[in-house]
Protein backbone atom coordinates (compact mmCIF):
# COMPACT_ATOMS: atom_id res chain seq x y z
CA MET A 1 -104.85 -61.45 -2.79
CA PRO A 2 -105.36 -58.92 0.04
CA VAL A 3 -105.34 -55.27 -0.97
CA LYS A 4 -102.59 -53.13 0.56
CA THR A 5 -103.54 -50.63 3.22
CA ASN A 6 -101.71 -48.56 5.78
CA SER A 7 -104.09 -49.40 8.65
CA ILE A 8 -102.36 -51.55 11.28
CA SER A 9 -105.60 -53.43 11.92
CA GLN A 10 -106.14 -54.08 8.21
CA ARG A 11 -102.50 -55.18 7.84
CA LYS A 12 -103.06 -57.76 10.59
CA LYS A 13 -106.16 -59.00 8.80
CA GLU A 14 -104.15 -59.45 5.62
CA HIS A 15 -101.43 -61.30 7.53
CA LEU A 16 -104.06 -63.67 8.95
CA GLU A 17 -105.57 -64.33 5.53
CA LEU A 18 -102.18 -65.15 4.04
CA CYS A 19 -101.15 -67.39 6.94
CA LEU A 20 -104.23 -69.53 6.42
CA THR A 21 -102.55 -70.64 3.20
CA ASP A 22 -99.24 -72.37 2.50
CA GLU A 23 -98.24 -69.69 0.00
CA VAL A 24 -96.08 -68.04 2.67
CA SER A 25 -93.84 -71.05 3.31
CA PHE A 26 -90.12 -70.92 2.62
CA LYS A 27 -89.53 -72.01 -0.97
CA ASN A 28 -86.02 -73.50 -1.05
CA LYS A 29 -85.00 -73.68 2.60
CA THR A 30 -86.10 -76.10 5.32
CA ASN A 31 -85.91 -76.07 9.12
CA GLY A 32 -82.95 -78.47 8.84
CA PHE A 33 -84.38 -81.25 11.02
CA GLU A 34 -84.28 -83.69 8.09
CA ASN A 35 -80.49 -83.72 8.48
CA TYR A 36 -80.74 -85.50 11.83
CA GLU A 37 -81.57 -89.07 12.83
CA PHE A 38 -82.48 -90.47 16.23
CA ILE A 39 -80.22 -93.17 17.68
CA ASN A 40 -82.25 -96.32 18.20
CA CYS A 41 -81.88 -98.01 21.58
CA ALA A 42 -82.42 -101.73 20.96
CA ILE A 43 -82.50 -102.52 24.69
CA THR A 44 -84.71 -99.67 25.85
CA GLU A 45 -86.09 -100.12 29.34
CA VAL A 46 -88.20 -96.98 29.35
CA GLU A 47 -91.70 -97.39 30.76
CA ILE A 48 -93.61 -95.52 28.11
CA SER A 49 -96.65 -95.02 30.33
CA LYS A 50 -94.54 -93.18 32.91
CA ILE A 51 -93.09 -90.57 30.56
CA ASP A 52 -94.10 -87.17 31.93
CA PHE A 53 -93.89 -84.04 29.79
CA GLY A 54 -94.62 -81.65 32.64
CA THR A 55 -92.12 -78.83 32.87
CA LYS A 56 -91.85 -75.23 34.04
CA PHE A 57 -92.35 -72.09 32.02
CA PHE A 58 -90.60 -69.61 34.26
CA ASN A 59 -92.57 -69.98 37.51
CA LYS A 60 -95.59 -71.90 36.20
CA LYS A 61 -95.95 -75.65 35.71
CA ILE A 62 -97.15 -76.57 32.22
CA GLY A 63 -98.37 -79.83 30.73
CA TYR A 64 -96.13 -80.02 27.67
CA PRO A 65 -92.87 -78.33 26.59
CA PHE A 66 -94.78 -76.42 23.95
CA LEU A 67 -96.39 -73.04 23.43
CA ILE A 68 -98.87 -71.78 20.90
CA SER A 69 -96.77 -69.03 19.42
CA CYS A 70 -97.63 -65.36 18.99
CA MET A 71 -100.30 -65.06 16.34
CA THR A 72 -103.01 -62.45 16.41
CA GLY A 73 -104.84 -59.56 18.05
CA GLY A 74 -105.96 -56.06 17.14
CA VAL A 75 -108.42 -57.05 14.43
CA THR A 76 -112.08 -58.10 14.44
CA GLU A 77 -111.38 -61.74 13.61
CA ALA A 78 -108.81 -62.04 16.39
CA GLU A 79 -111.27 -62.17 19.28
CA ASN A 80 -112.84 -65.39 18.02
CA ILE A 81 -109.44 -66.88 17.14
CA ASN A 82 -107.89 -66.04 20.51
CA ALA A 83 -110.99 -67.25 22.35
CA ARG A 84 -110.70 -70.69 20.77
CA LEU A 85 -106.91 -70.86 21.07
CA SER A 86 -107.12 -70.00 24.76
CA ILE A 87 -109.67 -72.76 25.35
CA ALA A 88 -107.26 -75.26 23.76
CA ALA A 89 -104.23 -73.90 25.64
CA ASN A 90 -106.15 -73.98 28.91
CA GLN A 91 -107.15 -77.63 28.47
CA LEU A 92 -103.59 -78.61 27.52
CA ASN A 93 -102.11 -76.33 30.21
CA ILE A 94 -99.59 -74.78 27.84
CA PRO A 95 -98.51 -71.16 27.25
CA LEU A 96 -100.17 -68.96 24.65
CA GLY A 97 -98.65 -65.93 22.95
CA VAL A 98 -100.65 -63.04 21.55
CA GLY A 99 -99.82 -61.33 18.31
CA SER A 100 -98.26 -57.87 18.20
CA GLN A 101 -100.11 -55.53 20.56
CA ARG A 102 -99.08 -52.39 18.71
CA GLN A 103 -102.62 -51.66 17.56
CA ALA A 104 -103.87 -51.76 21.16
CA LEU A 105 -101.95 -48.57 21.85
CA GLU A 106 -103.87 -46.67 19.16
CA ASN A 107 -107.34 -47.20 20.61
CA GLU A 108 -109.40 -49.65 22.70
CA LEU A 109 -111.46 -50.91 19.78
CA PHE A 110 -109.92 -54.41 19.77
CA HIS A 111 -108.83 -54.75 23.41
CA LYS A 112 -111.32 -57.59 23.82
CA SER A 113 -109.34 -59.60 21.25
CA TYR A 114 -106.50 -59.69 23.79
CA LYS A 115 -108.43 -59.80 27.07
CA VAL A 116 -110.42 -62.87 26.00
CA ILE A 117 -107.30 -65.02 26.47
CA ARG A 118 -106.97 -64.46 30.20
CA LYS A 119 -110.75 -64.70 30.57
CA ASN A 120 -110.78 -68.21 29.07
CA ALA A 121 -107.43 -69.36 30.47
CA PRO A 122 -106.90 -67.86 33.92
CA LYS A 123 -103.91 -69.97 34.97
CA ILE A 124 -101.76 -70.64 31.91
CA PRO A 125 -98.71 -68.52 31.04
CA VAL A 126 -99.69 -65.73 28.64
CA LEU A 127 -97.11 -63.87 26.55
CA GLY A 128 -97.50 -60.24 25.56
CA ASN A 129 -95.88 -59.08 22.32
CA ILE A 130 -94.46 -55.91 20.79
CA GLY A 131 -92.10 -55.25 17.89
CA ALA A 132 -88.47 -54.24 18.31
CA SER A 133 -88.99 -51.23 16.07
CA GLN A 134 -91.66 -49.96 18.48
CA ILE A 135 -89.21 -50.29 21.39
CA VAL A 136 -86.87 -47.97 19.49
CA GLN A 137 -89.67 -45.54 18.66
CA PHE A 138 -91.11 -45.35 22.17
CA LYS A 139 -87.80 -44.72 23.99
CA THR A 140 -89.75 -44.90 27.29
CA PHE A 141 -91.60 -47.92 28.61
CA GLU A 142 -94.93 -46.83 30.08
CA LYS A 143 -96.70 -48.05 26.95
CA ILE A 144 -95.08 -51.48 27.26
CA LYS A 145 -96.36 -51.77 30.83
CA ILE A 146 -99.87 -51.01 29.54
CA LEU A 147 -99.56 -53.95 27.13
CA VAL A 148 -98.35 -56.28 29.87
CA ASP A 149 -101.33 -55.34 32.02
CA LEU A 150 -103.78 -55.66 29.11
CA VAL A 151 -103.22 -59.41 28.82
CA GLU A 152 -102.00 -59.98 32.39
CA ALA A 153 -98.81 -61.30 30.83
CA ASP A 154 -96.40 -63.68 32.52
CA ALA A 155 -93.67 -62.64 30.07
CA MET A 156 -93.23 -60.03 27.35
CA VAL A 157 -92.06 -60.99 23.88
CA ILE A 158 -90.10 -58.53 21.80
CA HIS A 159 -90.22 -59.71 18.22
CA THR A 160 -87.32 -58.62 16.07
CA ASN A 161 -87.95 -58.69 12.35
CA PRO A 162 -85.44 -56.63 10.35
CA ALA A 163 -85.95 -58.57 7.12
CA GLN A 164 -89.74 -58.21 7.30
CA GLU A 165 -89.52 -54.49 8.10
CA LEU A 166 -87.09 -54.07 5.20
CA ILE A 167 -89.47 -55.66 2.69
CA GLN A 168 -92.76 -54.39 4.15
CA ASP A 169 -94.47 -51.52 2.36
CA ARG A 170 -93.81 -48.51 4.62
CA GLY A 171 -91.88 -50.76 6.98
CA GLU A 172 -89.78 -49.41 9.83
CA PRO A 173 -86.28 -50.89 9.50
CA ASN A 174 -84.76 -48.79 12.26
CA PHE A 175 -83.28 -50.68 15.21
CA THR A 176 -80.64 -48.17 16.31
CA GLY A 177 -80.06 -48.37 20.06
CA LEU A 178 -82.23 -51.49 20.45
CA LEU A 179 -79.88 -53.51 22.67
CA LYS A 180 -79.44 -50.72 25.22
CA LEU A 181 -83.19 -50.10 25.28
CA ILE A 182 -83.85 -53.80 25.89
CA GLU A 183 -81.38 -53.68 28.79
CA LYS A 184 -83.33 -50.78 30.32
CA LEU A 185 -86.67 -52.47 29.67
CA VAL A 186 -85.50 -55.62 31.46
CA LYS A 187 -84.98 -53.55 34.59
CA TYR A 188 -88.25 -51.67 34.17
CA LEU A 189 -90.68 -54.55 33.70
CA GLU A 190 -91.60 -56.95 36.48
CA VAL A 191 -92.05 -59.84 34.04
CA PRO A 192 -89.26 -61.61 32.11
CA ILE A 193 -88.49 -60.61 28.54
CA ILE A 194 -88.27 -63.07 25.66
CA VAL A 195 -86.75 -62.00 22.37
CA LYS A 196 -88.14 -63.77 19.32
CA GLU A 197 -87.31 -63.61 15.65
CA VAL A 198 -90.15 -64.12 13.19
CA GLY A 199 -88.60 -66.67 10.86
CA ALA A 200 -85.03 -65.64 10.09
CA GLY A 201 -83.42 -67.12 13.19
CA ILE A 202 -81.30 -65.90 16.12
CA SER A 203 -77.61 -66.71 16.01
CA LYS A 204 -75.48 -67.74 19.00
CA LYS A 205 -73.65 -64.39 18.94
CA VAL A 206 -76.88 -62.38 19.01
CA ALA A 207 -78.38 -64.65 21.69
CA GLU A 208 -75.36 -64.10 23.94
CA LYS A 209 -75.67 -60.33 23.60
CA LEU A 210 -79.34 -60.49 24.53
CA ILE A 211 -78.74 -62.75 27.53
CA ASN A 212 -75.96 -60.46 28.72
CA VAL A 213 -78.41 -57.54 28.96
CA GLY A 214 -80.87 -59.59 31.01
CA VAL A 215 -83.18 -61.26 28.49
CA LYS A 216 -84.55 -64.45 30.06
CA GLY A 217 -85.80 -66.25 26.96
CA ILE A 218 -84.61 -66.72 23.38
CA ASP A 219 -87.10 -67.92 20.76
CA VAL A 220 -84.89 -68.67 17.77
CA ALA A 221 -87.83 -68.74 15.31
CA GLY A 222 -85.61 -69.97 12.51
CA ALA A 223 -86.12 -70.40 8.79
CA GLY A 224 -88.22 -73.24 7.48
CA GLY A 225 -91.76 -72.31 8.45
CA THR A 226 -93.47 -69.05 7.57
CA SER A 227 -91.44 -66.56 5.54
CA TRP A 228 -92.51 -63.13 6.73
CA THR A 229 -90.56 -61.53 3.93
CA GLY A 230 -92.70 -63.75 1.70
CA VAL A 231 -95.83 -62.51 3.47
CA GLU A 232 -94.88 -58.91 2.75
CA LEU A 233 -93.93 -59.65 -0.84
CA LEU A 234 -97.37 -61.16 -1.37
CA ARG A 235 -99.01 -58.17 0.31
CA ASN A 236 -97.06 -55.94 -2.07
CA ASN A 237 -98.32 -58.01 -5.02
CA HIS A 238 -94.69 -58.63 -5.90
CA GLN A 239 -94.26 -60.50 -9.16
CA GLY A 240 -91.29 -62.73 -9.90
CA LYS A 241 -88.40 -64.08 -7.87
CA ASN A 242 -87.04 -62.28 -4.82
CA GLU A 243 -83.83 -63.51 -3.16
CA PHE A 244 -84.98 -62.45 0.30
CA TRP A 245 -87.98 -64.81 0.38
CA ASP A 246 -85.74 -67.54 1.87
CA TRP A 247 -83.60 -65.24 4.05
CA GLY A 248 -82.63 -66.73 7.40
CA LEU A 249 -80.83 -69.38 9.45
CA PRO A 250 -82.44 -72.85 9.67
CA THR A 251 -84.17 -73.61 12.96
CA SER A 252 -82.08 -76.69 13.73
CA TYR A 253 -78.84 -74.73 13.37
CA CYS A 254 -80.09 -71.96 15.64
CA ILE A 255 -81.23 -74.36 18.37
CA ARG A 256 -78.04 -76.44 18.28
CA THR A 257 -75.69 -73.46 18.45
CA VAL A 258 -77.65 -71.28 20.90
CA ALA A 259 -78.04 -74.30 23.21
CA LYS A 260 -74.26 -74.26 23.73
CA LEU A 261 -74.74 -71.10 25.79
CA LYS A 262 -76.63 -73.09 28.42
CA SER A 263 -73.38 -74.23 30.02
CA LYS A 264 -72.65 -70.57 30.79
CA PHE A 265 -76.05 -68.88 31.16
CA ASN A 266 -79.44 -69.63 32.68
CA PHE A 267 -82.13 -68.83 30.12
CA MET A 268 -85.11 -70.44 28.40
CA LEU A 269 -84.49 -71.63 24.86
CA ILE A 270 -87.59 -71.84 22.69
CA GLY A 271 -87.32 -73.76 19.44
CA SER A 272 -89.68 -72.59 16.70
CA GLY A 273 -89.65 -72.15 12.95
CA GLY A 274 -91.33 -74.82 10.83
CA ILE A 275 -92.38 -77.06 13.74
CA LYS A 276 -95.10 -79.12 12.12
CA ASN A 277 -95.12 -82.62 13.68
CA GLY A 278 -93.94 -84.76 16.58
CA PHE A 279 -90.59 -85.55 14.97
CA ASP A 280 -89.83 -81.84 14.61
CA ILE A 281 -90.67 -81.30 18.28
CA ALA A 282 -88.56 -84.24 19.43
CA LYS A 283 -85.58 -83.14 17.33
CA ALA A 284 -85.85 -79.57 18.62
CA LEU A 285 -85.85 -80.85 22.20
CA ALA A 286 -83.01 -83.27 21.51
CA LEU A 287 -80.92 -80.44 20.05
CA GLY A 288 -81.35 -78.41 23.23
CA ALA A 289 -84.64 -76.50 23.22
CA ASP A 290 -86.47 -76.24 26.54
CA ILE A 291 -89.78 -75.46 24.88
CA THR A 292 -91.00 -75.78 21.31
CA ALA A 293 -93.54 -73.60 19.54
CA SER A 294 -95.66 -73.36 16.44
CA ALA A 295 -98.16 -70.91 14.96
CA ARG A 296 -99.35 -71.15 11.35
CA ILE A 297 -100.19 -74.86 11.29
CA ILE A 298 -102.19 -74.39 14.49
CA LEU A 299 -104.05 -71.45 12.99
CA GLN A 300 -104.92 -73.59 9.98
CA GLU A 301 -106.10 -76.45 12.21
CA LEU A 302 -108.20 -74.03 14.26
CA LYS A 303 -109.99 -72.84 11.14
CA LYS A 304 -110.77 -76.43 10.12
CA ASN A 305 -111.62 -78.05 13.45
CA SER A 306 -111.79 -75.34 16.14
CA SER A 307 -110.36 -75.82 19.66
CA GLU A 308 -110.90 -79.58 19.65
CA GLY A 309 -108.81 -79.98 16.52
CA VAL A 310 -105.95 -77.99 18.04
CA ILE A 311 -106.05 -80.10 21.20
CA ASP A 312 -106.04 -83.34 19.19
CA LEU A 313 -103.23 -82.07 16.96
CA ILE A 314 -100.88 -81.17 19.82
CA GLU A 315 -101.70 -84.27 21.85
CA GLY A 316 -101.03 -86.36 18.74
CA TRP A 317 -97.67 -84.68 18.25
CA PHE A 318 -96.64 -85.51 21.80
CA GLU A 319 -97.77 -89.09 21.47
CA ILE A 320 -95.17 -89.33 18.68
CA VAL A 321 -92.61 -87.66 20.95
CA ARG A 322 -93.44 -90.23 23.66
CA GLN A 323 -92.80 -93.08 21.22
CA ILE A 324 -89.50 -91.51 20.09
CA MET A 325 -88.43 -91.23 23.73
CA PHE A 326 -89.23 -94.92 24.24
CA LEU A 327 -87.24 -95.91 21.16
CA THR A 328 -84.23 -93.81 22.18
CA GLY A 329 -84.21 -94.98 25.79
CA SER A 330 -85.20 -91.58 27.17
CA GLN A 331 -87.36 -91.57 30.28
CA ASN A 332 -87.54 -87.78 30.32
CA ILE A 333 -86.67 -84.75 28.18
CA SER A 334 -83.30 -84.35 29.90
CA GLU A 335 -82.31 -87.85 28.77
CA LEU A 336 -83.54 -87.12 25.23
CA ARG A 337 -80.98 -84.30 25.10
CA ASN A 338 -78.16 -86.65 26.09
CA LYS A 339 -76.65 -87.65 22.73
CA LYS A 340 -79.79 -89.26 21.35
CA ILE A 341 -79.57 -87.59 17.95
CA ILE A 342 -76.92 -87.59 15.21
CA ARG A 343 -76.34 -85.86 11.89
CA LYS A 344 -77.07 -88.26 9.05
CA GLU A 345 -73.70 -87.88 7.34
CA LYS A 346 -72.04 -89.35 10.43
CA LEU A 347 -73.98 -92.58 9.99
CA ASN A 348 -72.00 -93.56 6.88
């Protein structure tokens, strides 16, 4: 078990070590996708070889509706991890998110762990990342612009994590004034802002508030994958049961409900939280996500089989998605979203 420390860099190292295990999974809550079934099309006429996953991530064309979610940076091990992840993302032509860049504002010691991404992947969308609590602390935005420039970001992710901050030793559970500050930051930055939870989900009501202040992307990051309250409990050497380990809204619920806002607003909906195979991806897309995302399982694959393993993993997932699209009579992702999925209880 990692030893607690107050160093931001050391904390990130401990997070990485824990996320290479499955100890940090939700215990009694799933992403909710098991509650849905695809509707078989017995007379499908889809030409499976002509299914094209190409889509746009803001103003860039990408190869798959998938991004390697925000993971790491600001620690010695991160440079090697980000170097290999960026090689995989570049070959797949998919977006890649960096982990929280907070440490990069303290000193330049680990700036290479961020810069290596753009060096290895000059054309893919890259996502910067900072915590919501830091937005509240900074009040002004010059530091955020520095972080955007550091990774030559195409978008900036603000991760909001009240449950994690609440449980974290010396956490910073202060988000007073956050929404108004995000509204100002939207106008200040030249790149779009994405707001992402870290595993507890974003509700429809919260998503609407964020979109109304100019946020261009919502990453629901629902419950069912990594429990970041669980991560902090393990870091704290917590013994026994804690009710907040499974805190959060299931990913499927978040995607389905937030997607209803698309009839009123133009924004990118990213479905993440326990995405671990092609069926999860297909169900997330069918429920309304524009893009899907995953982190921990990719980190684990990277450790086992490097960049090539990550490429094979993601390509394998989308081969499953391709087969699901064939079986549901969906020539493209738009058709997959057109009533091709049903809750299981309605099948009786």
